[in-house]
Amino acid sequence: MHTFLECDISIAVYSNTIKWFNDIHKLNVKPSAQQILFNLTDEIDLLTSTQKRRLDLLLLLMKHYVYLCKVFHKYVNISKLKTQLQI
């Protein structure tokens, strides 16, 4: 649970990723830690169904990236994550 909710590096990645999502979709969504951890995008009323699916996928990919960095002892790099997601 520490990795996803309390780690300063993870929080920075989540914040930057959500900001990136908001910039792309011209929104101001601020999901809670629980919404991020459990992908509870249905609770966010501002999103269309397509945006909810995109945010769900983005959150899953973001958590997977943070997990891989932890497992392989690599530094988390938001620019690298963005590059990987823009394939």
Protein backbone atom coordinates (compact mmCIF):
# COMPACT_ATOMS: atom_id res chain seq x y z
CA MET A 1 0.00 0.00 0.00
CA HIS A 2 2.92 2.35 0.70
CA THR A 3 4.01 2.27 -2.96
CA PHE A 4 0.68 3.51 -4.22
CA LEU A 5 -0.52 5.90 -1.55
CA GLU A 6 2.33 7.24 0.56
CA CYS A 7 5.53 7.27 -1.50
CA ASP A 8 6.58 10.80 -2.49
CA ILE A 9 7.87 9.60 -5.86
CA SER A 10 4.64 7.76 -6.66
CA ILE A 11 2.57 10.76 -5.61
CA ALA A 12 4.63 12.98 -7.92
CA VAL A 13 4.11 10.55 -10.82
CA TYR A 14 0.37 10.38 -10.14
CA SER A 15 0.09 14.16 -9.90
CA ASN A 16 2.02 14.72 -13.12
CA THR A 17 0.06 12.04 -14.94
CA ILE A 18 -3.30 13.43 -13.84
CA LYS A 19 -2.15 16.93 -14.82
CA TRP A 20 -1.13 15.57 -18.22
CA PHE A 21 -4.56 13.91 -18.62
CA ASN A 22 -6.29 17.16 -17.60
CA ASP A 23 -4.21 19.17 -20.07
CA ILE A 24 -5.03 16.82 -22.95
CA HIS A 25 -8.76 16.77 -22.19
CA LYS A 26 -9.01 20.37 -20.92
CA LEU A 27 -10.36 19.20 -17.57
CA ASN A 28 -9.65 19.75 -13.90
CA VAL A 29 -10.11 16.25 -12.50
CA LYS A 30 -8.60 15.58 -9.06
CA PRO A 31 -9.12 11.92 -8.17
CA SER A 32 -8.52 10.88 -4.59
CA ALA A 33 -5.82 8.40 -3.63
CA GLN A 34 -8.49 5.68 -3.30
CA GLN A 35 -9.91 6.50 -6.74
CA ILE A 36 -6.43 6.20 -8.21
CA LEU A 37 -5.58 3.01 -6.34
CA PHE A 38 -8.82 1.21 -7.18
CA ASN A 39 -9.59 2.86 -10.55
CA LEU A 40 -12.86 4.30 -9.32
CA THR A 41 -13.35 6.66 -12.25
CA ASP A 42 -17.11 6.04 -12.26
CA GLU A 43 -17.23 8.28 -9.20
CA ILE A 44 -15.87 11.23 -11.19
CA ASP A 45 -18.91 13.02 -12.62
CA LEU A 46 -16.98 15.41 -14.89
CA LEU A 47 -15.86 12.65 -17.25
CA THR A 48 -17.61 11.26 -20.30
CA SER A 49 -17.65 7.48 -20.66
CA THR A 50 -14.76 7.66 -23.15
CA GLN A 51 -12.72 9.84 -20.81
CA LYS A 52 -13.41 7.43 -17.93
CA ARG A 53 -12.11 4.51 -20.00
CA ARG A 54 -9.04 6.51 -21.01
CA LEU A 55 -8.36 7.50 -17.41
CA ASP A 56 -8.85 3.89 -16.27
CA LEU A 57 -6.29 2.71 -18.79
CA LEU A 58 -3.90 5.53 -17.97
CA LEU A 59 -4.09 4.74 -14.24
CA LEU A 60 -3.44 1.04 -14.87
CA LEU A 61 -0.47 1.77 -17.12
CA MET A 62 0.89 4.33 -14.69
CA LYS A 63 0.70 1.90 -11.75
CA HIS A 64 2.30 -0.82 -13.87
CA TYR A 65 5.15 1.53 -14.79
CA VAL A 66 5.76 2.48 -11.12
CA TYR A 67 5.68 -1.20 -10.16
CA LEU A 68 8.21 -2.14 -12.88
CA CYS A 69 10.52 0.65 -11.79
CA LYS A 70 10.37 -0.65 -8.24
CA VAL A 71 10.97 -4.27 -9.23
CA PHE A 72 13.90 -3.45 -11.52
CA HIS A 73 15.32 -0.75 -9.21
CA LYS A 74 14.98 1.98 -11.83
CA TYR A 75 14.29 5.64 -11.27
CA VAL A 76 10.73 6.72 -12.06
CA ASN A 77 10.79 9.20 -14.93
CA ILE A 78 7.54 10.90 -15.93
CA SER A 79 8.96 11.92 -19.32
CA LYS A 80 9.81 8.32 -20.10
CA LEU A 81 6.32 7.23 -19.06
CA LYS A 82 4.74 9.85 -21.35
CA THR A 83 6.96 8.74 -24.24
CA GLN A 84 5.98 5.11 -23.71
CA LEU A 85 2.29 5.99 -23.61
CA GLN A 86 2.42 8.01 -26.84
CA ILE A 87 3.42 5.06 -29.00
